[in-house]
């Protein structure tokens, strides 16, 4: 299950970007996961729970996963189409298309901190 290594990579990224004190007030992480990212949101949640239960410093942090639909761009009619049922064709002109503009991402979209914990003495 590659999701465990992805979760560890997310925490490594956060450790590089934020101080130990800031990470001590971390409450939640919002991810955007594209449907073509090869990441299953439920498996990501399970991996996150496994890692946070094994590593004391991240217990209590919540993971929110937003699934990003697949979207293509059609140059023929200058339009974006959201793909359903993996039918890669423009909704306006019907031309088959694989010019994906959304749906492959795996992004740390936002991190949430307990601001009250930061301001208390």
PDB file of N, CA and C in Angstrom:
ATOM      1  N   UNK A   1       0.858  -1.178   0.000  1.00  0.00           N
ATOM      2  CA  UNK A   1       0.000   0.000   0.000  1.00  0.00           C
ATOM      3  C   UNK A   1       0.899   1.235   0.000  1.00  0.00           C
ATOM      4  N   UNK A   2       0.923   1.933  -1.119  1.00  0.00           N
ATOM      5  CA  UNK A   2       1.794   3.108  -1.240  1.00  0.00           C
ATOM      6  C   UNK A   2       1.246   4.324  -0.486  1.00  0.00           C
ATOM      7  N   UNK A   3       0.027   4.249  -0.013  1.00  0.00           N
ATOM      8  CA  UNK A   3      -0.554   5.374   0.723  1.00  0.00           C
ATOM      9  C   UNK A   3       0.216   5.676   2.007  1.00  0.00           C
ATOM     10  N   UNK A   4       0.763   4.642   2.655  1.00  0.00           N
ATOM     11  CA  UNK A   4       1.542   4.861   3.891  1.00  0.00           C
ATOM     12  C   UNK A   4       2.748   5.739   3.579  1.00  0.00           C
ATOM     13  N   UNK A   5       3.446   5.446   2.496  1.00  0.00           N
ATOM     14  CA  UNK A   5       4.609   6.270   2.143  1.00  0.00           C
ATOM     15  C   UNK A   5       4.172   7.677   1.750  1.00  0.00           C
ATOM     16  N   UNK A   6       3.003   7.821   1.155  1.00  0.00           N
ATOM     17  CA  UNK A   6       2.489   9.154   0.828  1.00  0.00           C
ATOM     18  C   UNK A   6       2.186   9.949   2.092  1.00  0.00           C
ATOM     19  N   UNK A   7       1.584   9.304   3.080  1.00  0.00           N
ATOM     20  CA  UNK A   7       1.286   9.976   4.348  1.00  0.00           C
ATOM     21  C   UNK A   7       2.581  10.413   5.021  1.00  0.00           C
ATOM     22  N   UNK A   8       3.568   9.543   5.046  1.00  0.00           N
ATOM     23  CA  UNK A   8       4.867   9.903   5.636  1.00  0.00           C
ATOM     24  C   UNK A   8       5.504  11.067   4.874  1.00  0.00           C
ATOM     25  N   UNK A   9       5.356  11.070   3.568  1.00  0.00           N
ATOM     26  CA  UNK A   9       5.889  12.158   2.750  1.00  0.00           C
ATOM     27  C   UNK A   9       5.180  13.478   3.059  1.00  0.00           C
ATOM     28  N   UNK A  10       3.873  13.425   3.289  1.00  0.00           N
ATOM     29  CA  UNK A  10       3.119  14.628   3.668  1.00  0.00           C
ATOM     30  C   UNK A  10       3.656  15.179   4.983  1.00  0.00           C
ATOM     31  N   UNK A  11       3.858  14.309   5.966  1.00  0.00           N
ATOM     32  CA  UNK A  11       4.376  14.767   7.252  1.00  0.00           C
ATOM     33  C   UNK A  11       5.800  15.296   7.113  1.00  0.00           C
ATOM     34  N   UNK A  12       6.619  14.666   6.284  1.00  0.00           N
ATOM     35  CA  UNK A  12       7.982  15.167   6.055  1.00  0.00           C
ATOM     36  C   UNK A  12       7.945  16.564   5.438  1.00  0.00           C
ATOM     37  N   UNK A  13       7.037  16.777   4.501  1.00  0.00           N
ATOM     38  CA  UNK A  13       6.887  18.094   3.879  1.00  0.00           C
ATOM     39  C   UNK A  13       6.484  19.132   4.916  1.00  0.00           C
ATOM     40  N   UNK A  14       5.527  18.788   5.763  1.00  0.00           N
ATOM     41  CA  UNK A  14       5.081  19.719   6.798  1.00  0.00           C
ATOM     42  C   UNK A  14       6.205  20.023   7.789  1.00  0.00           C
ATOM     43  N   UNK A  15       7.012  19.013   8.119  1.00  0.00           N
ATOM     44  CA  UNK A  15       8.131  19.218   9.042  1.00  0.00           C
ATOM     45  C   UNK A  15       9.188  20.141   8.440  1.00  0.00           C
ATOM     46  N   UNK A  16       9.322  20.131   7.119  1.00  0.00           N
ATOM     47  CA  UNK A  16      10.266  21.028   6.454  1.00  0.00           C
ATOM     48  C   UNK A  16       9.743  22.466   6.413  1.00  0.00           C
ATOM     49  N   UNK A  17       8.445  22.629   6.356  1.00  0.00           N
ATOM     50  CA  UNK A  17       7.842  23.947   6.168  1.00  0.00           C
ATOM     51  C   UNK A  17       7.476  24.661   7.466  1.00  0.00           C
ATOM     52  N   UNK A  18       7.218  23.904   8.532  1.00  0.00           N
ATOM     53  CA  UNK A  18       6.737  24.502   9.774  1.00  0.00           C
ATOM     54  C   UNK A  18       7.650  24.129  10.936  1.00  0.00           C
ATOM     55  N   UNK A  19       7.669  24.996  11.943  1.00  0.00           N
ATOM     56  CA  UNK A  19       8.479  24.739  13.130  1.00  0.00           C
ATOM     57  C   UNK A  19       7.840  23.644  13.976  1.00  0.00           C
ATOM     58  N   UNK A  20       8.632  23.109  14.895  1.00  0.00           N
ATOM     59  CA  UNK A  20       8.139  22.080  15.810  1.00  0.00           C
ATOM     60  C   UNK A  20       6.973  22.621  16.648  1.00  0.00           C
ATOM     61  N   UNK A  21       7.075  23.886  17.046  1.00  0.00           N
ATOM     62  CA  UNK A  21       6.012  24.519  17.838  1.00  0.00           C
ATOM     63  C   UNK A  21       4.729  24.640  17.026  1.00  0.00           C
ATOM     64  N   UNK A  22       4.861  25.057  15.772  1.00  0.00           N
ATOM     65  CA  UNK A  22       3.682  25.163  14.908  1.00  0.00           C
ATOM     66  C   UNK A  22       3.042  23.795  14.691  1.00  0.00           C
ATOM     67  N   UNK A  23       3.866  22.788  14.437  1.00  0.00           N
ATOM     68  CA  UNK A  23       3.337  21.434  14.224  1.00  0.00           C
ATOM     69  C   UNK A  23       2.659  20.896  15.474  1.00  0.00           C
ATOM     70  N   UNK A  24       3.058  21.388  16.639  1.00  0.00           N
ATOM     71  CA  UNK A  24       2.419  20.987  17.884  1.00  0.00           C
ATOM     72  C   UNK A  24       0.983  21.464  17.990  1.00  0.00           C
ATOM     73  N   UNK A  25       0.618  22.471  17.179  1.00  0.00           N
ATOM     74  CA  UNK A  25      -0.753  22.987  17.192  1.00  0.00           C
ATOM     75  C   UNK A  25      -1.541  22.555  15.948  1.00  0.00           C
ATOM     76  N   UNK A  26      -0.961  21.673  15.139  1.00  0.00           N
ATOM     77  CA  UNK A  26      -1.610  21.181  13.925  1.00  0.00           C
ATOM     78  C   UNK A  26      -2.869  20.400  14.288  1.00  0.00           C
ATOM     79  N   UNK A  27      -3.982  20.750  13.662  1.00  0.00           N
ATOM     80  CA  UNK A  27      -5.249  20.062  13.950  1.00  0.00           C
ATOM     81  C   UNK A  27      -5.789  19.291  12.759  1.00  0.00           C
ATOM     82  N   UNK A  28      -5.522  19.760  11.535  1.00  0.00           N
ATOM     83  CA  UNK A  28      -6.076  19.085  10.362  1.00  0.00           C
ATOM     84  C   UNK A  28      -5.264  19.395   9.109  1.00  0.00           C
ATOM     85  N   UNK A  29      -5.343  18.481   8.168  1.00  0.00           N
ATOM     86  CA  UNK A  29      -4.693  18.620   6.870  1.00  0.00           C
ATOM     87  C   UNK A  29      -5.749  18.375   5.808  1.00  0.00           C
ATOM     88  N   UNK A  30      -5.844  19.299   4.849  1.00  0.00           N
ATOM     89  CA  UNK A  30      -6.768  19.140   3.728  1.00  0.00           C
ATOM     90  C   UNK A  30      -5.974  18.752   2.493  1.00  0.00           C
ATOM     91  N   UNK A  31      -6.344  17.628   1.892  1.00  0.00           N
ATOM     92  CA  UNK A  31      -5.704  17.172   0.663  1.00  0.00           C
ATOM     93  C   UNK A  31      -6.683  17.279  -0.493  1.00  0.00           C
ATOM     94  N   UNK A  32      -6.149  17.544  -1.667  1.00  0.00           N
ATOM     95  CA  UNK A  32      -6.915  17.435  -2.909  1.00  0.00           C
ATOM     96  C   UNK A  32      -6.313  16.256  -3.666  1.00  0.00           C
ATOM     97  N   UNK A  33      -7.175  15.281  -3.961  1.00  0.00           N
ATOM     98  CA  UNK A  33      -6.728  14.054  -4.613  1.00  0.00           C
ATOM     99  C   UNK A  33      -7.497  13.894  -5.923  1.00  0.00           C
ATOM    100  N   UNK A  34      -6.782  13.948  -7.034  1.00  0.00           N
ATOM    101  CA  UNK A  34      -7.404  13.781  -8.341  1.00  0.00           C
ATOM    102  C   UNK A  34      -7.784  12.336  -8.591  1.00  0.00           C
ATOM    103  N   UNK A  35      -8.828  12.163  -9.377  1.00  0.00           N
ATOM    104  CA  UNK A  35      -9.301  10.809  -9.682  1.00  0.00           C
ATOM    105  C   UNK A  35      -8.287  10.001 -10.489  1.00  0.00           C
ATOM    106  N   UNK A  36      -7.349  10.676 -11.136  1.00  0.00           N
ATOM    107  CA  UNK A  36      -6.306   9.987 -11.893  1.00  0.00           C
ATOM    108  C   UNK A  36      -4.970   9.949 -11.157  1.00  0.00           C
ATOM    109  N   UNK A  37      -4.972  10.278  -9.870  1.00  0.00           N
ATOM    110  CA  UNK A  37      -3.722  10.366  -9.108  1.00  0.00           C
ATOM    111  C   UNK A  37      -3.218   9.016  -8.616  1.00  0.00           C
ATOM    112  N   UNK A  38      -3.993   7.970  -8.820  1.00  0.00           N
ATOM    113  CA  UNK A  38      -3.633   6.633  -8.351  1.00  0.00           C
ATOM    114  C   UNK A  38      -3.626   6.552  -6.824  1.00  0.00           C
ATOM    115  N   UNK A  39      -4.475   7.379  -6.195  1.00  0.00           N
ATOM    116  CA  UNK A  39      -4.627   7.366  -4.742  1.00  0.00           C
ATOM    117  C   UNK A  39      -6.099   7.165  -4.430  1.00  0.00           C
ATOM    118  N   UNK A  40      -6.377   6.179  -3.607  1.00  0.00           N
ATOM    119  CA  UNK A  40      -7.739   5.895  -3.180  1.00  0.00           C
ATOM    120  C   UNK A  40      -7.992   6.625  -1.864  1.00  0.00           C
ATOM    121  N   UNK A  41      -8.972   7.558  -1.831  1.00  0.00           N
ATOM    122  CA  UNK A  41      -9.210   8.340  -0.616  1.00  0.00           C
ATOM    123  C   UNK A  41      -9.436   7.506   0.643  1.00  0.00           C
ATOM    124  N   UNK A  42     -10.176   6.418   0.561  1.00  0.00           N
ATOM    125  CA  UNK A  42     -10.420   5.584   1.742  1.00  0.00           C
ATOM    126  C   UNK A  42      -9.118   4.932   2.227  1.00  0.00           C
ATOM    127  N   UNK A  43      -8.306   4.455   1.303  1.00  0.00           N
ATOM    128  CA  UNK A  43      -7.015   3.868   1.693  1.00  0.00           C
ATOM    129  C   UNK A  43      -6.086   4.927   2.274  1.00  0.00           C
ATOM    130  N   UNK A  44      -6.202   6.158   1.758  1.00  0.00           N
ATOM    131  CA  UNK A  44      -5.392   7.262   2.294  1.00  0.00           C
ATOM    132  C   UNK A  44      -5.798   7.545   3.737  1.00  0.00           C
ATOM    133  N   UNK A  45      -7.095   7.552   4.010  1.00  0.00           N
ATOM    134  CA  UNK A  45      -7.587   7.759   5.377  1.00  0.00           C
ATOM    135  C   UNK A  45      -7.073   6.650   6.301  1.00  0.00           C
ATOM    136  N   UNK A  46      -7.153   5.405   5.840  1.00  0.00           N
ATOM    137  CA  UNK A  46      -6.688   4.274   6.651  1.00  0.00           C
ATOM    138  C   UNK A  46      -5.186   4.361   6.917  1.00  0.00           C
ATOM    139  N   UNK A  47      -4.422   4.719   5.901  1.00  0.00           N
ATOM    140  CA  UNK A  47      -2.973   4.864   6.066  1.00  0.00           C
ATOM    141  C   UNK A  47      -2.660   6.006   7.025  1.00  0.00           C
ATOM    142  N   UNK A  48      -3.404   7.093   6.918  1.00  0.00           N
ATOM    143  CA  UNK A  48      -3.207   8.241   7.807  1.00  0.00           C
ATOM    144  C   UNK A  48      -3.444   7.828   9.254  1.00  0.00           C
ATOM    145  N   UNK A  49      -4.524   7.083   9.495  1.00  0.00           N
ATOM    146  CA  UNK A  49      -4.813   6.617  10.854  1.00  0.00           C
ATOM    147  C   UNK A  49      -3.724   5.687  11.363  1.00  0.00           C
ATOM    148  N   UNK A  50      -3.196   4.831  10.499  1.00  0.00           N
ATOM    149  CA  UNK A  50      -2.130   3.912  10.900  1.00  0.00           C
ATOM    150  C   UNK A  50      -0.868   4.677  11.283  1.00  0.00           C
ATOM    151  N   UNK A  51      -0.491   5.667  10.481  1.00  0.00           N
ATOM    152  CA  UNK A  51       0.726   6.437  10.754  1.00  0.00           C
ATOM    153  C   UNK A  51       0.552   7.292  12.003  1.00  0.00           C
ATOM    154  N   UNK A  52      -0.588   7.963  12.142  1.00  0.00           N
ATOM    155  CA  UNK A  52      -0.769   8.842  13.301  1.00  0.00           C
ATOM    156  C   UNK A  52      -0.892   8.044  14.597  1.00  0.00           C
ATOM    157  N   UNK A  53      -1.402   6.825  14.532  1.00  0.00           N
ATOM    158  CA  UNK A  53      -1.463   6.028  15.759  1.00  0.00           C
ATOM    159  C   UNK A  53      -0.084   5.484  16.130  1.00  0.00           C
ATOM    160  N   UNK A  54       0.794   5.316  15.145  1.00  0.00           N
ATOM    161  CA  UNK A  54       2.139   4.800  15.406  1.00  0.00           C
ATOM    162  C   UNK A  54       3.119   5.903  15.823  1.00  0.00           C
ATOM    163  N   UNK A  55       2.850   7.135  15.387  1.00  0.00           N
ATOM    164  CA  UNK A  55       3.757   8.244  15.679  1.00  0.00           C
ATOM    165  C   UNK A  55       3.043   9.228  16.601  1.00  0.00           C
ATOM    166  N   UNK A  56       3.508   9.308  17.795  1.00  0.00           N
ATOM    167  CA  UNK A  56       2.869  10.082  18.854  1.00  0.00           C
ATOM    168  C   UNK A  56       2.647  11.550  18.498  1.00  0.00           C
ATOM    169  N   UNK A  57       3.564  12.162  17.757  1.00  0.00           N
ATOM    170  CA  UNK A  57       3.489  13.610  17.532  1.00  0.00           C
ATOM    171  C   UNK A  57       2.333  14.043  16.632  1.00  0.00           C
ATOM    172  N   UNK A  58       1.732  13.133  15.892  1.00  0.00           N
ATOM    173  CA  UNK A  58       0.650  13.516  14.987  1.00  0.00           C
ATOM    174  C   UNK A  58      -0.712  12.988  15.415  1.00  0.00           C
ATOM    175  N   UNK A  59      -0.806  12.457  16.612  1.00  0.00           N
ATOM    176  CA  UNK A  59      -2.094  11.974  17.103  1.00  0.00           C
ATOM    177  C   UNK A  59      -3.029  13.151  17.287  1.00  0.00           C
ATOM    178  N   UNK A  60      -4.274  12.976  16.931  1.00  0.00           N
ATOM    179  CA  UNK A  60      -5.256  14.039  17.062  1.00  0.00           C
ATOM    180  C   UNK A  60      -5.385  14.903  15.820  1.00  0.00           C
ATOM    181  N   UNK A  61      -4.502  14.730  14.840  1.00  0.00           N
ATOM    182  CA  UNK A  61      -4.599  15.480  13.594  1.00  0.00           C
ATOM    183  C   UNK A  61      -5.612  14.773  12.688  1.00  0.00           C
ATOM    184  N   UNK A  62      -6.459  15.559  12.057  1.00  0.00           N
ATOM    185  CA  UNK A  62      -7.507  15.019  11.202  1.00  0.00           C
ATOM    186  C   UNK A  62      -7.106  15.201   9.735  1.00  0.00           C
ATOM    187  N   UNK A  63      -7.453  14.237   8.909  1.00  0.00           N
ATOM    188  CA  UNK A  63      -7.199  14.319   7.469  1.00  0.00           C
ATOM    189  C   UNK A  63      -8.525  14.496   6.744  1.00  0.00           C
ATOM    190  N   UNK A  64      -8.603  15.535   5.921  1.00  0.00           N
ATOM    191  CA  UNK A  64      -9.771  15.776   5.076  1.00  0.00           C
ATOM    192  C   UNK A  64      -9.330  15.588   3.630  1.00  0.00           C
ATOM    193  N   UNK A  65     -10.023  14.710   2.906  1.00  0.00           N
ATOM    194  CA  UNK A  65      -9.656  14.422   1.524  1.00  0.00           C
ATOM    195  C   UNK A  65     -10.774  14.888   0.599  1.00  0.00           C
ATOM    196  N   UNK A  66     -10.415  15.766  -0.320  1.00  0.00           N
ATOM    197  CA  UNK A  66     -11.357  16.225  -1.344  1.00  0.00           C
ATOM    198  C   UNK A  66     -10.961  15.581  -2.669  1.00  0.00           C
ATOM    199  N   UNK A  67     -11.907  14.891  -3.289  1.00  0.00           N
ATOM    200  CA  UNK A  67     -11.645  14.259  -4.572  1.00  0.00           C
ATOM    201  C   UNK A  67     -11.860  15.288  -5.681  1.00  0.00           C
ATOM    202  N   UNK A  68     -10.895  15.367  -6.594  1.00  0.00           N
ATOM    203  CA  UNK A  68     -10.961  16.302  -7.714  1.00  0.00           C
ATOM    204  C   UNK A  68     -11.341  15.518  -8.968  1.00  0.00           C
ATOM    205  N   UNK A  69     -12.427  15.956  -9.599  1.00  0.00           N
ATOM    206  CA  UNK A  69     -12.907  15.299 -10.812  1.00  0.00           C
ATOM    207  C   UNK A  69     -11.922  15.479 -11.965  1.00  0.00           C
ATOM    208  N   UNK A  70     -12.028  14.618 -12.946  1.00  0.00           N
ATOM    209  CA  UNK A  70     -11.191  14.721 -14.143  1.00  0.00           C
ATOM    210  C   UNK A  70     -11.811  15.772 -15.061  1.00  0.00           C
ATOM    211  N   UNK A  71     -10.961  16.676 -15.525  1.00  0.00           N
ATOM    212  CA  UNK A  71     -11.419  17.717 -16.445  1.00  0.00           C
ATOM    213  C   UNK A  71     -10.460  17.782 -17.617  1.00  0.00           C
ATOM    214  N   UNK A  72     -11.031  17.898 -18.818  1.00  0.00           N
ATOM    215  CA  UNK A  72     -10.205  18.017 -20.022  1.00  0.00           C
ATOM    216  C   UNK A  72     -10.464  19.363 -20.683  1.00  0.00           C
ATOM    217  N   UNK A  73      -9.506  19.773 -21.495  1.00  0.00           N
ATOM    218  CA  UNK A  73      -9.661  20.997 -22.282  1.00  0.00           C
ATOM    219  C   UNK A  73      -9.722  20.614 -23.747  1.00  0.00           C
ATOM    220  N   UNK A  74     -10.736  21.126 -24.448  1.00  0.00           N
ATOM    221  CA  UNK A  74     -10.893  20.890 -25.878  1.00  0.00           C
ATOM    222  C   UNK A  74     -10.488  22.145 -26.631  1.00  0.00           C
ATOM    223  N   UNK A  75      -9.429  22.047 -27.418  1.00  0.00           N
ATOM    224  CA  UNK A  75      -8.956  23.191 -28.204  1.00  0.00           C
ATOM    225  C   UNK A  75      -9.893  23.484 -29.369  1.00  0.00           C
ATOM    226  N   UNK A  76     -10.604  22.477 -29.855  1.00  0.00           N
ATOM    227  CA  UNK A  76     -11.494  22.660 -31.000  1.00  0.00           C
ATOM    228  C   UNK A  76     -12.630  23.629 -30.686  1.00  0.00           C
ATOM    229  N   UNK A  77     -13.166  23.550 -29.464  1.00  0.00           N
ATOM    230  CA  UNK A  77     -14.270  24.459 -29.115  1.00  0.00           C
ATOM    231  C   UNK A  77     -13.924  25.350 -27.928  1.00  0.00           C
ATOM    232  N   UNK A  78     -12.666  25.339 -27.510  1.00  0.00           N
ATOM    233  CA  UNK A  78     -12.178  26.179 -26.421  1.00  0.00           C
ATOM    234  C   UNK A  78     -13.044  26.038 -25.163  1.00  0.00           C
ATOM    235  N   UNK A  79     -13.247  24.786 -24.753  1.00  0.00           N
ATOM    236  CA  UNK A  79     -14.107  24.526 -23.587  1.00  0.00           C
ATOM    237  C   UNK A  79     -13.497  23.449 -22.701  1.00  0.00           C
ATOM    238  N   UNK A  80     -13.798  23.548 -21.416  1.00  0.00           N
ATOM    239  CA  UNK A  80     -13.415  22.506 -20.464  1.00  0.00           C
ATOM    240  C   UNK A  80     -14.617  21.604 -20.222  1.00  0.00           C
ATOM    241  N   UNK A  81     -14.352  20.318 -20.058  1.00  0.00           N
ATOM    242  CA  UNK A  81     -15.401  19.328 -19.821  1.00  0.00           C
ATOM    243  C   UNK A  81     -15.012  18.474 -18.629  1.00  0.00           C
ATOM    244  N   UNK A  82     -15.953  18.267 -17.719  1.00  0.00           N
ATOM    245  CA  UNK A  82     -15.735  17.328 -16.627  1.00  0.00           C
ATOM    246  C   UNK A  82     -16.067  15.938 -17.142  1.00  0.00           C
ATOM    247  N   UNK A  83     -15.150  15.017 -16.924  1.00  0.00           N
ATOM    248  CA  UNK A  83     -15.286  13.659 -17.431  1.00  0.00           C
ATOM    249  C   UNK A  83     -16.101  12.809 -16.464  1.00  0.00           C
ATOM    250  N   UNK A  84     -17.034  12.068 -17.018  1.00  0.00           N
ATOM    251  CA  UNK A  84     -17.818  11.126 -16.224  1.00  0.00           C
ATOM    252  C   UNK A  84     -17.677   9.749 -16.841  1.00  0.00           C
ATOM    253  N   UNK A  85     -17.607   8.748 -15.984  1.00  0.00           N
ATOM    254  CA  UNK A  85     -17.470   7.350 -16.412  1.00  0.00           C
ATOM    255  C   UNK A  85     -16.256   7.126 -17.311  1.00  0.00           C
ATOM    256  N   UNK A  86     -15.243   7.929 -17.139  1.00  0.00           N
ATOM    257  CA  UNK A  86     -13.978   7.816 -17.868  1.00  0.00           C
ATOM    258  C   UNK A  86     -14.160   7.864 -19.386  1.00  0.00           C
ATOM    259  N   UNK A  87     -15.176   8.587 -19.847  1.00  0.00           N
ATOM    260  CA  UNK A  87     -15.391   8.805 -21.277  1.00  0.00           C
ATOM    261  C   UNK A  87     -14.699  10.118 -21.645  1.00  0.00           C
ATOM    262  N   UNK A  88     -13.499  10.012 -22.213  1.00  0.00           N
ATOM    263  CA  UNK A  88     -12.666  11.168 -22.519  1.00  0.00           C
ATOM    264  C   UNK A  88     -13.053  11.760 -23.873  1.00  0.00           C
ATOM    265  N   UNK A  89     -14.134  12.546 -23.852  1.00  0.00           N
ATOM    266  CA  UNK A  89     -14.601  13.247 -25.043  1.00  0.00           C
ATOM    267  C   UNK A  89     -15.198  14.567 -24.611  1.00  0.00           C
ATOM    268  N   UNK A  90     -15.079  15.561 -25.464  1.00  0.00           N
ATOM    269  CA  UNK A  90     -15.626  16.885 -25.181  1.00  0.00           C
ATOM    270  C   UNK A  90     -17.151  16.804 -25.122  1.00  0.00           C
ATOM    271  N   UNK A  91     -17.744  17.401 -24.098  1.00  0.00           N
ATOM    272  CA  UNK A  91     -19.197  17.384 -23.941  1.00  0.00           C
ATOM    273  C   UNK A  91     -19.889  18.254 -24.987  1.00  0.00           C
ATOM    274  N   UNK A  92     -19.184  19.249 -25.523  1.00  0.00           N
ATOM    275  CA  UNK A  92     -19.809  20.157 -26.492  1.00  0.00           C
ATOM    276  C   UNK A  92     -19.739  19.643 -27.923  1.00  0.00           C
ATOM    277  N   UNK A  93     -18.548  19.186 -28.327  1.00  0.00           N
ATOM    278  CA  UNK A  93     -18.407  18.768 -29.728  1.00  0.00           C
ATOM    279  C   UNK A  93     -18.281  17.254 -29.904  1.00  0.00           C
ATOM    280  N   UNK A  94     -18.048  16.519 -28.819  1.00  0.00           N
ATOM    281  CA  UNK A  94     -17.983  15.061 -28.879  1.00  0.00           C
ATOM    282  C   UNK A  94     -16.662  14.493 -29.349  1.00  0.00           C
ATOM    283  N   UNK A  95     -15.697  15.335 -29.638  1.00  0.00           N
ATOM    284  CA  UNK A  95     -14.396  14.862 -30.122  1.00  0.00           C
ATOM    285  C   UNK A  95     -13.641  14.194 -28.973  1.00  0.00           C
ATOM    286  N   UNK A  96     -13.112  12.972 -29.213  1.00  0.00           N
ATOM    287  CA  UNK A  96     -12.296  12.318 -28.180  1.00  0.00           C
ATOM    288  C   UNK A  96     -11.097  13.204 -27.814  1.00  0.00           C
ATOM    289  N   UNK A  97     -10.755  13.196 -26.521  1.00  0.00           N
ATOM    290  CA  UNK A  97      -9.741  14.124 -26.052  1.00  0.00           C
ATOM    291  C   UNK A  97      -9.089  13.581 -24.793  1.00  0.00           C
ATOM    292  N   UNK A  98      -7.782  13.711 -24.711  1.00  0.00           N
ATOM    293  CA  UNK A  98      -7.074  13.294 -23.492  1.00  0.00           C
ATOM    294  C   UNK A  98      -6.218  14.426 -22.927  1.00  0.00           C
ATOM    295  N   UNK A  99      -6.580  15.664 -23.187  1.00  0.00           N
ATOM    296  CA  UNK A  99      -5.854  16.828 -22.691  1.00  0.00           C
ATOM    297  C   UNK A  99      -6.350  17.144 -21.266  1.00  0.00           C
ATOM    298  N   UNK A 100      -5.852  16.396 -20.309  1.00  0.00           N
ATOM    299  CA  UNK A 100      -6.297  16.510 -18.911  1.00  0.00           C
ATOM    300  C   UNK A 100      -5.732  17.769 -18.284  1.00  0.00           C
ATOM    301  N   UNK A 101      -6.619  18.597 -17.692  1.00  0.00           N
ATOM    302  CA  UNK A 101      -6.188  19.809 -17.004  1.00  0.00           C
ATOM    303  C   UNK A 101      -6.429  19.730 -15.497  1.00  0.00           C
ATOM    304  N   UNK A 102      -7.258  18.808 -15.059  1.00  0.00           N
ATOM    305  CA  UNK A 102      -7.493  18.564 -13.629  1.00  0.00           C
ATOM    306  C   UNK A 102      -7.744  17.074 -13.433  1.00  0.00           C
ATOM    307  N   UNK A 103      -7.382  16.612 -12.238  1.00  0.00           N
ATOM    308  CA  UNK A 103      -7.677  15.226 -11.899  1.00  0.00           C
ATOM    309  C   UNK A 103      -6.465  14.363 -11.636  1.00  0.00           C
ATOM    310  N   UNK A 104      -5.270  14.916 -11.814  1.00  0.00           N
ATOM    311  CA  UNK A 104      -4.057  14.139 -11.547  1.00  0.00           C
ATOM    312  C   UNK A 104      -3.357  14.585 -10.266  1.00  0.00           C
ATOM    313  N   UNK A 105      -3.895  15.616  -9.621  1.00  0.00           N
ATOM    314  CA  UNK A 105      -3.199  16.215  -8.489  1.00  0.00           C
ATOM    315  C   UNK A 105      -3.273  15.392  -7.208  1.00  0.00           C
ATOM    316  N   UNK A 106      -2.248  15.562  -6.405  1.00  0.00           N
ATOM    317  CA  UNK A 106      -2.210  15.111  -5.014  1.00  0.00           C
ATOM    318  C   UNK A 106      -1.536  16.259  -4.272  1.00  0.00           C
ATOM    319  N   UNK A 107      -2.369  17.135  -3.692  1.00  0.00           N
ATOM    320  CA  UNK A 107      -1.870  18.377  -3.121  1.00  0.00           C
ATOM    321  C   UNK A 107      -2.244  18.527  -1.656  1.00  0.00           C
ATOM    322  N   UNK A 108      -1.305  19.062  -0.887  1.00  0.00           N
ATOM    323  CA  UNK A 108      -1.650  19.537   0.450  1.00  0.00           C
ATOM    324  C   UNK A 108      -2.301  20.889   0.201  1.00  0.00           C
ATOM    325  N   UNK A 109      -3.602  20.935   0.277  1.00  0.00           N
ATOM    326  CA  UNK A 109      -4.345  22.142  -0.060  1.00  0.00           C
ATOM    327  C   UNK A 109      -4.299  23.167   1.072  1.00  0.00           C
ATOM    328  N   UNK A 110      -4.465  22.688   2.307  1.00  0.00           N
ATOM    329  CA  UNK A 110      -4.485  23.610   3.445  1.00  0.00           C
ATOM    330  C   UNK A 110      -4.130  22.833   4.710  1.00  0.00           C
ATOM    331  N   UNK A 111      -3.500  23.519   5.644  1.00  0.00           N
ATOM    332  CA  UNK A 111      -3.245  22.953   6.965  1.00  0.00           C
ATOM    333  C   UNK A 111      -3.902  23.852   7.992  1.00  0.00           C
ATOM    334  N   UNK A 112      -4.423  23.234   9.023  1.00  0.00           N
ATOM    335  CA  UNK A 112      -5.144  23.971  10.059  1.00  0.00           C
ATOM    336  C   UNK A 112      -4.396  23.842  11.384  1.00  0.00           C
ATOM    337  N   UNK A 113      -4.323  24.961  12.087  1.00  0.00           N
ATOM    338  CA  UNK A 113      -3.662  25.002  13.371  1.00  0.00           C
ATOM    339  C   UNK A 113      -4.628  25.503  14.418  1.00  0.00           C
ATOM    340  N   UNK A 114      -4.418  25.107  15.669  1.00  0.00           N
ATOM    341  CA  UNK A 114      -5.214  25.595  16.788  1.00  0.00           C
ATOM    342  C   UNK A 114      -4.654  26.967  17.147  1.00  0.00           C
ATOM    343  N   UNK A 115      -5.319  28.019  16.709  1.00  0.00           N
ATOM    344  CA  UNK A 115      -4.823  29.370  16.927  1.00  0.00           C
ATOM    345  C   UNK A 115      -4.891  29.764  18.401  1.00  0.00           C
ATOM    346  N   UNK A 116      -5.800  29.180  19.163  1.00  0.00           N
ATOM    347  CA  UNK A 116      -5.874  29.471  20.593  1.00  0.00           C
ATOM    348  C   UNK A 116      -4.640  28.939  21.329  1.00  0.00           C
ATOM    349  N   UNK A 117      -4.146  27.780  20.867  1.00  0.00           N
ATOM    350  CA  UNK A 117      -2.953  27.215  21.500  1.00  0.00           C
ATOM    351  C   UNK A 117      -1.730  28.073  21.212  1.00  0.00           C
ATOM    352  N   UNK A 118      -1.713  28.730  20.050  1.00  0.00           N
ATOM    353  CA  UNK A 118      -0.569  29.584  19.684  1.00  0.00           C
ATOM    354  C   UNK A 118      -0.519  30.841  20.541  1.00  0.00           C
ATOM    355  N   UNK A 119      -1.687  31.385  20.917  1.00  0.00           N
ATOM    356  CA  UNK A 119      -1.717  32.657  21.629  1.00  0.00           C
ATOM    357  C   UNK A 119      -1.709  32.508  23.132  1.00  0.00           C
ATOM    358  N   UNK A 120      -1.951  31.295  23.644  1.00  0.00           N
ATOM    359  CA  UNK A 120      -1.959  31.133  25.102  1.00  0.00           C
ATOM    360  C   UNK A 120      -0.542  31.142  25.656  1.00  0.00           C
ATOM    361  N   UNK A 121      -0.351  31.692  26.873  1.00  0.00           N
ATOM    362  CA  UNK A 121       0.981  31.815  27.457  1.00  0.00           C
ATOM    363  C   UNK A 121       1.586  30.490  27.864  1.00  0.00           C
TER     364      UNK A 121
END
